[in-house]
């Protein structure tokens, strides 16, 4: 799928346009994999499965075609506001690069403006742009932080992500109730009092 197809939609509407050459190649490989597993790819239920999986993978990894910094730059505004801005409980869906199994949960993102704010919807879109790639949660956390830091140049950035990983729940250690939490901070959030305020606010039920 080309980057241009996402420019207007910002990657957020489900669309049925795909890179057909890639679809054919991915589907052919999945057909081989299914046969190697002992399945019969000629039976009715699996006839279109390789193509469906190929299309699904293109959608689930469409973050490679998005420019997270550009998402922010398209909605930056000058504003003399220097208090904490938090967008919490952002849904996260990503794919573990080690086993190609999903991990999912919530992200909480905050920044302290330094003369410039950004449209609030852009922060979840940046999260999604990085999440819709093959990832590890640790890198996802720092990529979101670094993008906001480099683009907005705020007084500080805070990112906390809490996720459940199917590679831990369905295979391996098989601990169904485990949750992984990662965090990354810059600037003012490196100060204990500011960081504690952020942690308190993302845990509070204010609505």
N, C-alpha and C. Protein backbone atom coordinates (compact mmCIF):
# COMPACT_ATOMS: atom_id res chain seq x y z
N UNK A 1 0.84 -1.18 0.00
CA UNK A 1 0.00 0.00 0.00
C UNK A 1 0.88 1.24 0.00
N UNK A 2 0.57 2.19 -0.82
CA UNK A 2 1.43 3.36 -0.93
C UNK A 2 1.14 4.34 0.19
N UNK A 3 2.15 5.16 0.50
CA UNK A 3 2.00 6.17 1.55
C UNK A 3 0.91 7.17 1.17
N UNK A 4 0.79 7.50 -0.14
CA UNK A 4 -0.18 8.49 -0.58
C UNK A 4 -1.60 8.09 -0.23
N UNK A 5 -1.88 6.81 -0.20
CA UNK A 5 -3.22 6.35 0.09
C UNK A 5 -3.62 6.67 1.52
N UNK A 6 -2.63 6.93 2.38
CA UNK A 6 -2.92 7.22 3.77
C UNK A 6 -2.90 8.72 4.08
N UNK A 7 -2.40 9.58 3.14
CA UNK A 7 -2.23 10.97 3.46
C UNK A 7 -3.53 11.63 3.91
N UNK A 8 -4.61 11.42 3.15
CA UNK A 8 -5.87 12.07 3.48
C UNK A 8 -6.60 11.34 4.60
N UNK A 9 -6.49 10.03 4.61
CA UNK A 9 -7.21 9.24 5.61
C UNK A 9 -6.45 9.16 6.92
N UNK A 10 -5.16 9.52 6.88
CA UNK A 10 -4.31 9.49 8.06
C UNK A 10 -4.20 8.09 8.65
N UNK A 11 -4.48 7.08 7.81
CA UNK A 11 -4.30 5.71 8.26
C UNK A 11 -5.38 5.20 9.18
N UNK A 12 -6.51 5.90 9.27
CA UNK A 12 -7.46 5.56 10.31
C UNK A 12 -8.80 5.05 9.82
N UNK A 13 -9.05 5.05 8.54
CA UNK A 13 -10.26 4.43 8.02
C UNK A 13 -9.86 3.13 7.35
N UNK A 14 -10.64 2.10 7.60
CA UNK A 14 -10.35 0.83 6.95
C UNK A 14 -10.60 0.99 5.46
N UNK A 15 -9.62 0.66 4.67
CA UNK A 15 -9.77 0.77 3.23
C UNK A 15 -9.43 -0.56 2.60
N UNK A 16 -10.00 -0.81 1.45
CA UNK A 16 -9.79 -2.09 0.77
C UNK A 16 -8.92 -1.91 -0.46
N UNK A 17 -7.83 -1.15 -0.31
CA UNK A 17 -6.84 -1.02 -1.38
C UNK A 17 -5.52 -1.54 -0.85
N UNK A 18 -4.88 -2.39 -1.64
CA UNK A 18 -3.67 -3.04 -1.17
C UNK A 18 -2.63 -3.04 -2.28
N UNK A 19 -1.39 -3.30 -1.88
CA UNK A 19 -0.32 -3.51 -2.84
C UNK A 19 -0.48 -4.94 -3.36
N UNK A 20 -1.07 -5.05 -4.55
CA UNK A 20 -1.46 -6.37 -5.05
C UNK A 20 -0.28 -7.30 -5.30
N UNK A 21 0.87 -6.73 -5.73
CA UNK A 21 2.05 -7.57 -5.94
C UNK A 21 2.50 -8.19 -4.62
N UNK A 22 2.49 -7.38 -3.57
CA UNK A 22 2.87 -7.91 -2.26
C UNK A 22 1.86 -8.92 -1.75
N UNK A 23 0.57 -8.63 -1.98
CA UNK A 23 -0.47 -9.57 -1.56
C UNK A 23 -0.24 -10.94 -2.18
N UNK A 24 0.03 -10.97 -3.47
CA UNK A 24 0.23 -12.24 -4.16
C UNK A 24 1.43 -13.00 -3.59
N UNK A 25 2.53 -12.27 -3.33
CA UNK A 25 3.74 -12.92 -2.82
C UNK A 25 3.52 -13.45 -1.40
N UNK A 26 2.91 -12.62 -0.55
CA UNK A 26 2.66 -13.03 0.84
C UNK A 26 1.70 -14.21 0.87
N UNK A 27 0.65 -14.13 0.05
CA UNK A 27 -0.35 -15.21 0.02
C UNK A 27 0.28 -16.53 -0.42
N UNK A 28 1.16 -16.48 -1.43
CA UNK A 28 1.81 -17.70 -1.90
C UNK A 28 2.65 -18.33 -0.80
N UNK A 29 3.32 -17.50 -0.03
CA UNK A 29 4.13 -18.02 1.07
C UNK A 29 3.26 -18.60 2.18
N UNK A 30 2.14 -17.96 2.46
CA UNK A 30 1.25 -18.50 3.49
C UNK A 30 0.61 -19.80 3.04
N UNK A 31 0.35 -19.94 1.76
CA UNK A 31 -0.18 -21.21 1.27
C UNK A 31 0.83 -22.32 1.51
N UNK A 32 2.10 -22.03 1.27
CA UNK A 32 3.16 -23.01 1.53
C UNK A 32 3.22 -23.35 3.01
N UNK A 33 3.13 -22.33 3.86
CA UNK A 33 3.19 -22.55 5.31
C UNK A 33 2.04 -23.44 5.77
N UNK A 34 0.84 -23.15 5.29
CA UNK A 34 -0.33 -23.94 5.68
C UNK A 34 -0.17 -25.41 5.26
N UNK A 35 0.35 -25.61 4.05
CA UNK A 35 0.57 -26.98 3.59
C UNK A 35 1.62 -27.68 4.44
N UNK A 36 2.69 -26.95 4.82
CA UNK A 36 3.74 -27.52 5.66
C UNK A 36 3.20 -27.90 7.04
N UNK A 37 2.16 -27.19 7.49
CA UNK A 37 1.55 -27.50 8.78
C UNK A 37 0.69 -28.76 8.71
N UNK A 38 0.47 -29.27 7.50
CA UNK A 38 -0.35 -30.46 7.34
C UNK A 38 -1.77 -30.17 6.91
N UNK A 39 -2.06 -28.89 6.61
CA UNK A 39 -3.39 -28.52 6.17
C UNK A 39 -3.56 -28.76 4.68
N UNK A 40 -4.81 -28.76 4.26
CA UNK A 40 -5.15 -28.89 2.85
C UNK A 40 -5.68 -27.55 2.35
N UNK A 41 -4.86 -26.79 1.65
CA UNK A 41 -5.26 -25.45 1.22
C UNK A 41 -6.26 -25.47 0.08
N UNK A 42 -6.62 -26.67 -0.37
CA UNK A 42 -7.65 -26.77 -1.41
C UNK A 42 -9.05 -26.98 -0.82
N UNK A 43 -9.13 -27.16 0.50
CA UNK A 43 -10.46 -27.34 1.08
C UNK A 43 -11.15 -25.98 1.19
N UNK A 44 -12.47 -26.03 1.23
CA UNK A 44 -13.28 -24.82 1.12
C UNK A 44 -12.90 -23.73 2.12
N UNK A 45 -12.72 -24.11 3.37
CA UNK A 45 -12.45 -23.11 4.41
C UNK A 45 -11.13 -22.39 4.26
N UNK A 46 -10.19 -22.97 3.51
CA UNK A 46 -8.85 -22.38 3.39
C UNK A 46 -8.55 -21.82 2.00
N UNK A 47 -9.49 -21.92 1.09
CA UNK A 47 -9.20 -21.49 -0.28
C UNK A 47 -8.73 -20.05 -0.36
N UNK A 48 -9.37 -19.17 0.40
CA UNK A 48 -9.02 -17.74 0.35
C UNK A 48 -8.23 -17.28 1.57
N UNK A 49 -7.89 -18.21 2.45
CA UNK A 49 -7.18 -17.83 3.67
C UNK A 49 -5.82 -17.18 3.41
N UNK A 50 -4.98 -17.70 2.51
CA UNK A 50 -3.70 -17.03 2.26
C UNK A 50 -3.85 -15.57 1.84
N UNK A 51 -4.82 -15.30 0.99
CA UNK A 51 -5.05 -13.91 0.56
C UNK A 51 -5.58 -13.06 1.71
N UNK A 52 -6.49 -13.61 2.49
CA UNK A 52 -7.03 -12.87 3.63
C UNK A 52 -5.93 -12.51 4.63
N UNK A 53 -5.06 -13.47 4.90
CA UNK A 53 -3.96 -13.22 5.84
C UNK A 53 -3.02 -12.15 5.29
N UNK A 54 -2.73 -12.20 4.00
CA UNK A 54 -1.85 -11.22 3.38
C UNK A 54 -2.43 -9.81 3.51
N UNK A 55 -3.73 -9.68 3.26
CA UNK A 55 -4.38 -8.37 3.37
C UNK A 55 -4.41 -7.91 4.83
N UNK A 56 -4.67 -8.88 5.72
CA UNK A 56 -4.69 -8.54 7.14
C UNK A 56 -3.34 -8.01 7.60
N UNK A 57 -2.26 -8.66 7.18
CA UNK A 57 -0.92 -8.23 7.57
C UNK A 57 -0.60 -6.83 7.04
N UNK A 58 -1.03 -6.56 5.81
CA UNK A 58 -0.78 -5.22 5.28
C UNK A 58 -1.48 -4.16 6.10
N UNK A 59 -2.71 -4.45 6.52
CA UNK A 59 -3.41 -3.47 7.35
C UNK A 59 -2.79 -3.35 8.73
N UNK A 60 -2.46 -4.48 9.35
CA UNK A 60 -1.93 -4.47 10.70
C UNK A 60 -0.55 -3.82 10.79
N UNK A 61 0.16 -3.73 9.67
CA UNK A 61 1.49 -3.11 9.66
C UNK A 61 1.54 -1.85 8.81
N UNK A 62 0.39 -1.19 8.64
CA UNK A 62 0.39 -0.01 7.77
C UNK A 62 1.11 1.18 8.39
N UNK A 63 1.57 1.05 9.63
CA UNK A 63 2.34 2.12 10.24
C UNK A 63 3.64 2.42 9.51
N UNK A 64 4.16 1.44 8.77
CA UNK A 64 5.38 1.69 7.99
C UNK A 64 5.15 2.75 6.93
N UNK A 65 3.91 2.93 6.50
CA UNK A 65 3.60 3.91 5.46
C UNK A 65 3.21 5.27 6.03
N UNK A 66 3.28 5.43 7.35
CA UNK A 66 2.90 6.69 7.98
C UNK A 66 4.14 7.39 8.52
N UNK A 67 4.07 8.72 8.53
CA UNK A 67 5.15 9.55 9.06
C UNK A 67 4.65 10.19 10.35
N UNK A 68 5.01 9.64 11.51
CA UNK A 68 4.47 10.16 12.77
C UNK A 68 4.80 11.64 13.01
N UNK A 69 6.00 12.07 12.65
CA UNK A 69 6.36 13.48 12.83
C UNK A 69 5.46 14.38 12.00
N UNK A 70 5.16 13.97 10.78
CA UNK A 70 4.28 14.75 9.92
C UNK A 70 2.87 14.84 10.49
N UNK A 71 2.41 13.75 11.10
CA UNK A 71 1.10 13.77 11.75
C UNK A 71 1.03 14.89 12.77
N UNK A 72 2.10 15.04 13.57
CA UNK A 72 2.15 16.12 14.56
C UNK A 72 2.27 17.48 13.91
N UNK A 73 3.16 17.60 12.94
CA UNK A 73 3.42 18.90 12.32
C UNK A 73 2.20 19.48 11.60
N UNK A 74 1.31 18.60 11.18
CA UNK A 74 0.11 19.07 10.48
C UNK A 74 -0.90 19.74 11.40
N UNK A 75 -0.68 19.68 12.71
CA UNK A 75 -1.65 20.27 13.64
C UNK A 75 -0.95 20.91 14.83
N UNK A 76 0.11 21.67 14.57
CA UNK A 76 0.83 22.38 15.63
C UNK A 76 0.38 23.83 15.66
N UNK A 77 0.16 24.33 16.88
CA UNK A 77 -0.34 25.70 17.05
C UNK A 77 0.43 26.41 18.15
N UNK A 78 0.71 27.69 17.94
CA UNK A 78 1.37 28.48 18.97
C UNK A 78 0.37 28.76 20.10
N UNK A 79 0.81 28.51 21.31
CA UNK A 79 -0.06 28.73 22.47
C UNK A 79 0.79 28.87 23.72
N UNK A 80 0.50 29.90 24.51
CA UNK A 80 1.27 30.14 25.73
C UNK A 80 0.66 29.36 26.89
N UNK A 81 0.85 28.05 26.84
CA UNK A 81 0.34 27.15 27.87
C UNK A 81 1.48 26.24 28.29
N UNK A 82 1.79 26.22 29.58
CA UNK A 82 2.94 25.45 30.04
C UNK A 82 2.59 24.53 31.20
N UNK A 83 1.39 23.95 31.13
CA UNK A 83 0.99 22.95 32.11
C UNK A 83 0.89 21.59 31.41
N UNK A 84 0.74 20.58 32.20
CA UNK A 84 0.72 19.22 31.67
C UNK A 84 -0.50 18.97 30.79
N UNK A 85 -0.26 18.36 29.63
CA UNK A 85 -1.34 17.91 28.74
C UNK A 85 -1.25 16.39 28.67
N UNK A 86 -2.33 15.71 29.05
CA UNK A 86 -2.32 14.25 29.10
C UNK A 86 -3.42 13.69 28.21
N UNK A 87 -3.06 12.71 27.39
CA UNK A 87 -4.04 11.89 26.68
C UNK A 87 -3.83 10.47 27.19
N UNK A 88 -4.80 9.97 27.93
CA UNK A 88 -4.62 8.65 28.55
C UNK A 88 -5.59 7.63 27.99
N UNK A 89 -5.35 6.38 28.32
CA UNK A 89 -6.20 5.26 27.90
C UNK A 89 -6.31 5.17 26.38
N UNK A 90 -5.20 5.41 25.68
CA UNK A 90 -5.16 5.26 24.22
C UNK A 90 -5.03 3.77 23.90
N UNK A 91 -5.96 3.24 23.13
CA UNK A 91 -5.91 1.82 22.79
C UNK A 91 -4.69 1.52 21.93
N UNK A 92 -3.99 0.46 22.27
CA UNK A 92 -2.79 0.03 21.54
C UNK A 92 -3.01 -1.39 21.01
N UNK A 93 -2.78 -1.56 19.73
CA UNK A 93 -2.78 -2.89 19.11
C UNK A 93 -1.51 -3.00 18.27
N UNK A 94 -0.67 -3.98 18.59
CA UNK A 94 0.57 -4.13 17.86
C UNK A 94 0.90 -5.61 17.68
N UNK A 95 2.01 -5.87 16.99
CA UNK A 95 2.43 -7.24 16.71
C UNK A 95 3.85 -7.45 17.21
N UNK A 96 4.03 -8.44 18.07
CA UNK A 96 5.35 -8.77 18.58
C UNK A 96 6.24 -9.25 17.44
N UNK A 97 7.41 -8.64 17.30
CA UNK A 97 8.30 -9.00 16.19
C UNK A 97 8.99 -10.35 16.40
N UNK A 98 8.92 -10.88 17.60
CA UNK A 98 9.59 -12.15 17.88
C UNK A 98 8.75 -13.36 17.47
N UNK A 99 7.43 -13.26 17.63
CA UNK A 99 6.57 -14.41 17.33
C UNK A 99 5.42 -14.08 16.38
N UNK A 100 5.32 -12.81 15.97
CA UNK A 100 4.21 -12.35 15.13
C UNK A 100 2.86 -12.65 15.77
N UNK A 101 2.81 -12.45 17.08
CA UNK A 101 1.56 -12.55 17.83
C UNK A 101 1.21 -11.17 18.37
N UNK A 102 -0.09 -10.89 18.55
CA UNK A 102 -0.48 -9.55 18.99
C UNK A 102 -0.10 -9.26 20.44
N UNK A 103 0.14 -7.97 20.72
CA UNK A 103 0.07 -7.47 22.09
C UNK A 103 -0.79 -6.22 22.07
N UNK A 104 -1.50 -5.99 23.17
CA UNK A 104 -2.50 -4.93 23.15
C UNK A 104 -2.72 -4.41 24.56
N UNK A 105 -3.19 -3.17 24.64
CA UNK A 105 -3.43 -2.56 25.94
C UNK A 105 -3.70 -1.09 25.80
N UNK A 106 -3.08 -0.29 26.68
CA UNK A 106 -3.32 1.15 26.68
C UNK A 106 -2.02 1.92 26.81
N UNK A 107 -2.02 3.10 26.19
CA UNK A 107 -0.90 4.03 26.31
C UNK A 107 -1.39 5.31 26.98
N UNK A 108 -0.54 5.90 27.79
CA UNK A 108 -0.82 7.17 28.44
C UNK A 108 0.33 8.12 28.06
N UNK A 109 -0.01 9.23 27.44
CA UNK A 109 1.01 10.13 26.91
C UNK A 109 0.76 11.54 27.44
N UNK A 110 1.83 12.19 27.88
CA UNK A 110 1.73 13.57 28.36
C UNK A 110 2.90 14.39 27.85
N UNK A 111 2.67 15.68 27.70
CA UNK A 111 3.76 16.60 27.40
C UNK A 111 3.46 17.94 28.04
N UNK A 112 4.51 18.71 28.27
CA UNK A 112 4.37 20.06 28.80
C UNK A 112 4.79 21.01 27.70
N UNK A 113 3.86 21.78 27.13
CA UNK A 113 4.18 22.63 25.98
C UNK A 113 5.23 23.69 26.30
N UNK A 114 5.92 24.09 25.28
CA UNK A 114 6.92 25.16 25.39
C UNK A 114 6.69 26.16 24.26
N UNK A 115 5.46 26.73 24.24
CA UNK A 115 5.11 27.69 23.21
C UNK A 115 4.35 27.10 22.05
N UNK A 116 4.15 25.77 22.07
CA UNK A 116 3.48 25.11 20.96
C UNK A 116 2.68 23.92 21.47
N UNK A 117 1.40 23.83 21.05
CA UNK A 117 0.58 22.67 21.37
C UNK A 117 0.25 21.92 20.08
N UNK A 118 -0.34 20.76 20.24
CA UNK A 118 -0.70 19.96 19.07
C UNK A 118 -2.15 19.50 19.22
N UNK A 119 -2.86 19.35 18.12
CA UNK A 119 -4.22 18.83 18.17
C UNK A 119 -4.26 17.51 18.92
N UNK A 120 -5.21 17.39 19.85
CA UNK A 120 -5.21 16.25 20.76
C UNK A 120 -5.35 14.91 20.05
N UNK A 121 -6.08 14.87 18.93
CA UNK A 121 -6.27 13.61 18.21
C UNK A 121 -4.98 13.10 17.59
N UNK A 122 -4.00 14.00 17.43
CA UNK A 122 -2.76 13.60 16.77
C UNK A 122 -1.91 12.70 17.65
N UNK A 123 -2.03 12.83 18.96
CA UNK A 123 -1.22 11.99 19.84
C UNK A 123 -1.62 10.52 19.73
N UNK A 124 -2.92 10.17 19.79
CA UNK A 124 -3.28 8.77 19.54
C UNK A 124 -2.87 8.29 18.15
N UNK A 125 -2.88 9.18 17.18
CA UNK A 125 -2.49 8.77 15.83
C UNK A 125 -0.99 8.47 15.75
N UNK A 126 -0.20 9.21 16.49
CA UNK A 126 1.24 8.92 16.56
C UNK A 126 1.45 7.56 17.23
N UNK A 127 0.72 7.32 18.31
CA UNK A 127 0.81 6.01 18.97
C UNK A 127 0.51 4.89 17.99
N UNK A 128 -0.57 5.06 17.23
CA UNK A 128 -0.98 4.03 16.29
C UNK A 128 0.02 3.86 15.15
N UNK A 129 0.59 4.97 14.68
CA UNK A 129 1.56 4.90 13.58
C UNK A 129 2.77 4.05 13.95
N UNK A 130 3.21 4.14 15.20
CA UNK A 130 4.32 3.30 15.64
C UNK A 130 3.87 1.90 16.02
N UNK A 131 2.65 1.78 16.57
CA UNK A 131 2.17 0.47 17.01
C UNK A 131 1.87 -0.44 15.84
N UNK A 132 1.43 0.13 14.71
CA UNK A 132 1.06 -0.70 13.56
C UNK A 132 2.29 -1.08 12.74
N UNK A 133 3.26 -1.61 13.44
CA UNK A 133 4.49 -2.15 12.85
C UNK A 133 4.87 -3.37 13.68
N UNK A 134 5.82 -4.13 13.21
CA UNK A 134 6.37 -5.19 14.06
C UNK A 134 7.14 -4.50 15.17
N UNK A 135 6.85 -4.85 16.42
CA UNK A 135 7.37 -4.07 17.53
C UNK A 135 7.78 -4.94 18.71
N UNK A 136 8.51 -4.30 19.61
CA UNK A 136 8.61 -4.73 21.00
C UNK A 136 8.11 -3.55 21.83
N UNK A 137 7.50 -3.83 22.95
CA UNK A 137 6.85 -2.76 23.72
C UNK A 137 7.85 -1.71 24.18
N UNK A 138 9.06 -2.15 24.51
CA UNK A 138 10.08 -1.21 24.98
C UNK A 138 10.41 -0.16 23.91
N UNK A 139 10.61 -0.63 22.68
CA UNK A 139 10.94 0.31 21.60
C UNK A 139 9.75 1.18 21.25
N UNK A 140 8.57 0.61 21.24
CA UNK A 140 7.36 1.39 20.96
C UNK A 140 7.26 2.57 21.93
N UNK A 141 7.55 2.34 23.19
CA UNK A 141 7.46 3.39 24.21
C UNK A 141 8.44 4.53 23.93
N UNK A 142 9.67 4.19 23.61
CA UNK A 142 10.67 5.24 23.38
C UNK A 142 10.47 5.94 22.04
N UNK A 143 9.96 5.22 21.04
CA UNK A 143 9.71 5.87 19.75
C UNK A 143 8.64 6.94 19.86
N UNK A 144 7.58 6.65 20.61
CA UNK A 144 6.53 7.66 20.81
C UNK A 144 7.11 8.87 21.54
N UNK A 145 7.85 8.61 22.61
CA UNK A 145 8.47 9.70 23.37
C UNK A 145 9.39 10.54 22.50
N UNK A 146 10.27 9.89 21.77
CA UNK A 146 11.28 10.62 20.98
C UNK A 146 10.65 11.44 19.86
N UNK A 147 9.59 10.91 19.25
CA UNK A 147 8.92 11.63 18.17
C UNK A 147 8.30 12.92 18.69
N UNK A 148 7.59 12.83 19.81
CA UNK A 148 6.97 14.03 20.39
C UNK A 148 8.03 15.02 20.85
N UNK A 149 9.09 14.51 21.46
CA UNK A 149 10.18 15.36 21.93
C UNK A 149 10.84 16.12 20.78
N UNK A 150 11.16 15.41 19.70
CA UNK A 150 11.88 16.02 18.58
C UNK A 150 11.00 16.97 17.78
N UNK A 151 9.70 16.69 17.69
CA UNK A 151 8.82 17.48 16.84
C UNK A 151 8.27 18.70 17.56
N UNK A 152 7.76 18.52 18.78
CA UNK A 152 7.16 19.64 19.51
C UNK A 152 8.16 20.44 20.32
N UNK A 153 9.29 19.81 20.65
CA UNK A 153 10.29 20.44 21.51
C UNK A 153 9.66 21.00 22.79
N UNK A 154 8.95 20.16 23.52
CA UNK A 154 8.26 20.60 24.73
C UNK A 154 9.22 20.66 25.92
N UNK A 155 8.68 21.03 27.08
CA UNK A 155 9.48 21.05 28.29
C UNK A 155 9.69 19.65 28.85
N UNK A 156 8.88 18.71 28.39
CA UNK A 156 9.04 17.33 28.82
C UNK A 156 7.98 16.45 28.20
N UNK A 157 8.29 15.15 28.12
CA UNK A 157 7.37 14.16 27.57
C UNK A 157 7.34 12.95 28.50
N UNK A 158 6.15 12.37 28.67
CA UNK A 158 6.00 11.15 29.46
C UNK A 158 5.15 10.15 28.69
N UNK A 159 5.60 8.91 28.66
CA UNK A 159 4.84 7.84 28.01
C UNK A 159 4.86 6.61 28.91
N UNK A 160 3.67 6.08 29.18
CA UNK A 160 3.54 4.81 29.90
C UNK A 160 2.64 3.91 29.08
N UNK A 161 3.07 2.67 28.86
CA UNK A 161 2.28 1.71 28.10
C UNK A 161 2.09 0.45 28.93
N UNK A 162 0.85 -0.04 28.98
CA UNK A 162 0.50 -1.27 29.70
C UNK A 162 -0.13 -2.23 28.70
N UNK A 163 0.47 -3.40 28.52
CA UNK A 163 -0.03 -4.32 27.50
C UNK A 163 -0.01 -5.77 27.97
N UNK A 164 -0.93 -6.53 27.39
CA UNK A 164 -0.92 -7.99 27.51
C UNK A 164 -0.35 -8.56 26.22
N UNK A 165 0.49 -9.58 26.34
CA UNK A 165 1.19 -10.15 25.20
C UNK A 165 0.75 -11.59 24.98
N UNK A 166 0.19 -11.87 23.81
CA UNK A 166 -0.26 -13.23 23.54
C UNK A 166 0.90 -14.21 23.44
N UNK A 167 2.11 -13.72 23.17
CA UNK A 167 3.25 -14.63 23.14
C UNK A 167 3.57 -15.16 24.54
N UNK A 168 3.10 -14.46 25.59
CA UNK A 168 3.23 -14.95 26.96
C UNK A 168 1.99 -15.71 27.41
N UNK A 169 0.84 -15.38 26.84
CA UNK A 169 -0.41 -15.94 27.32
C UNK A 169 -0.82 -17.23 26.58
N UNK A 170 -0.50 -17.30 25.28
CA UNK A 170 -0.90 -18.46 24.48
C UNK A 170 0.19 -19.50 24.34
N UNK A 171 1.45 -19.07 24.49
CA UNK A 171 2.56 -20.00 24.33
C UNK A 171 3.59 -19.70 25.41
N UNK A 172 4.75 -20.34 25.36
CA UNK A 172 5.81 -20.03 26.31
C UNK A 172 5.35 -20.24 27.75
N UNK A 173 5.45 -19.21 28.56
CA UNK A 173 5.17 -19.30 29.99
C UNK A 173 3.68 -19.47 30.28
N UNK A 174 2.80 -19.05 29.35
CA UNK A 174 1.34 -19.21 29.45
C UNK A 174 0.78 -18.63 30.74
N UNK A 175 1.09 -17.38 30.99
CA UNK A 175 0.55 -16.67 32.15
C UNK A 175 -0.49 -15.67 31.65
N UNK A 176 -1.76 -16.05 31.78
CA UNK A 176 -2.84 -15.29 31.14
C UNK A 176 -3.11 -13.94 31.78
N UNK A 177 -2.72 -13.74 33.01
CA UNK A 177 -3.05 -12.49 33.69
C UNK A 177 -1.88 -11.51 33.78
N UNK A 178 -0.79 -11.83 33.11
CA UNK A 178 0.38 -10.96 33.19
C UNK A 178 0.20 -9.71 32.33
N UNK A 179 0.66 -8.59 32.83
CA UNK A 179 0.62 -7.31 32.11
C UNK A 179 2.02 -6.70 32.18
N UNK A 180 2.49 -6.19 31.04
CA UNK A 180 3.81 -5.57 30.97
C UNK A 180 3.65 -4.06 30.93
N UNK A 181 4.37 -3.35 31.79
CA UNK A 181 4.33 -1.89 31.84
C UNK A 181 5.71 -1.34 31.49
N UNK A 182 5.74 -0.38 30.55
CA UNK A 182 6.98 0.29 30.19
C UNK A 182 6.76 1.80 30.28
N UNK A 183 7.84 2.53 30.52
CA UNK A 183 7.73 3.98 30.65
C UNK A 183 8.95 4.65 30.06
N UNK A 184 8.77 5.91 29.65
CA UNK A 184 9.88 6.71 29.12
C UNK A 184 9.57 8.18 29.40
N UNK A 185 10.58 8.91 29.88
CA UNK A 185 10.38 10.30 30.28
C UNK A 185 11.51 11.18 29.75
N UNK A 186 11.19 12.46 29.55
CA UNK A 186 12.21 13.46 29.23
C UNK A 186 11.91 14.73 30.00
N UNK A 187 12.91 15.61 30.08
CA UNK A 187 12.73 16.96 30.60
C UNK A 187 12.12 17.01 31.99
N UNK A 188 11.05 17.79 32.13
CA UNK A 188 10.43 18.03 33.44
C UNK A 188 9.93 16.75 34.08
N UNK A 189 9.63 15.74 33.27
CA UNK A 189 9.12 14.49 33.83
C UNK A 189 10.21 13.64 34.48
N UNK A 190 11.45 14.06 34.33
CA UNK A 190 12.53 13.39 35.05
C UNK A 190 12.56 13.82 36.51
N UNK A 191 11.85 14.92 36.80
CA UNK A 191 11.74 15.38 38.18
C UNK A 191 10.70 14.54 38.92
N UNK A 192 11.03 14.17 40.13
CA UNK A 192 10.19 13.25 40.90
C UNK A 192 8.77 13.79 41.08
N UNK A 193 8.63 15.07 41.41
CA UNK A 193 7.30 15.63 41.68
C UNK A 193 6.43 15.65 40.44
N UNK A 194 7.00 16.01 39.29
CA UNK A 194 6.23 16.05 38.04
C UNK A 194 5.83 14.66 37.61
N UNK A 195 6.76 13.72 37.71
CA UNK A 195 6.47 12.34 37.33
C UNK A 195 5.39 11.74 38.21
N UNK A 196 5.43 12.03 39.52
CA UNK A 196 4.41 11.52 40.44
C UNK A 196 3.04 12.10 40.11
N UNK A 197 3.00 13.38 39.73
CA UNK A 197 1.72 14.00 39.35
C UNK A 197 1.14 13.30 38.12
N UNK A 198 1.99 13.02 37.14
CA UNK A 198 1.55 12.32 35.93
C UNK A 198 1.02 10.94 36.26
N UNK A 199 1.75 10.17 37.05
CA UNK A 199 1.33 8.82 37.42
C UNK A 199 0.01 8.86 38.18
N UNK A 200 -0.14 9.86 39.06
CA UNK A 200 -1.38 10.00 39.81
C UNK A 200 -2.56 10.31 38.90
N UNK A 201 -2.35 11.19 37.93
CA UNK A 201 -3.43 11.59 37.03
C UNK A 201 -3.86 10.48 36.09
N UNK A 202 -2.92 9.67 35.60
CA UNK A 202 -3.33 8.61 34.68
C UNK A 202 -4.04 7.47 35.43
N UNK A 203 -3.84 7.42 36.74
CA UNK A 203 -4.52 6.40 37.52
C UNK A 203 -5.85 6.86 38.11
N UNK A 204 -6.11 8.18 38.02
CA UNK A 204 -7.33 8.74 38.62
C UNK A 204 -8.52 8.57 37.69
N UNK A 205 -9.70 8.43 38.28
CA UNK A 205 -10.94 8.37 37.52
C UNK A 205 -11.62 9.74 37.65
N UNK A 206 -11.32 10.62 36.68
CA UNK A 206 -11.83 11.99 36.74
C UNK A 206 -13.06 12.20 35.90
N UNK A 207 -13.54 11.16 35.23
CA UNK A 207 -14.70 11.31 34.36
C UNK A 207 -15.74 10.22 34.66
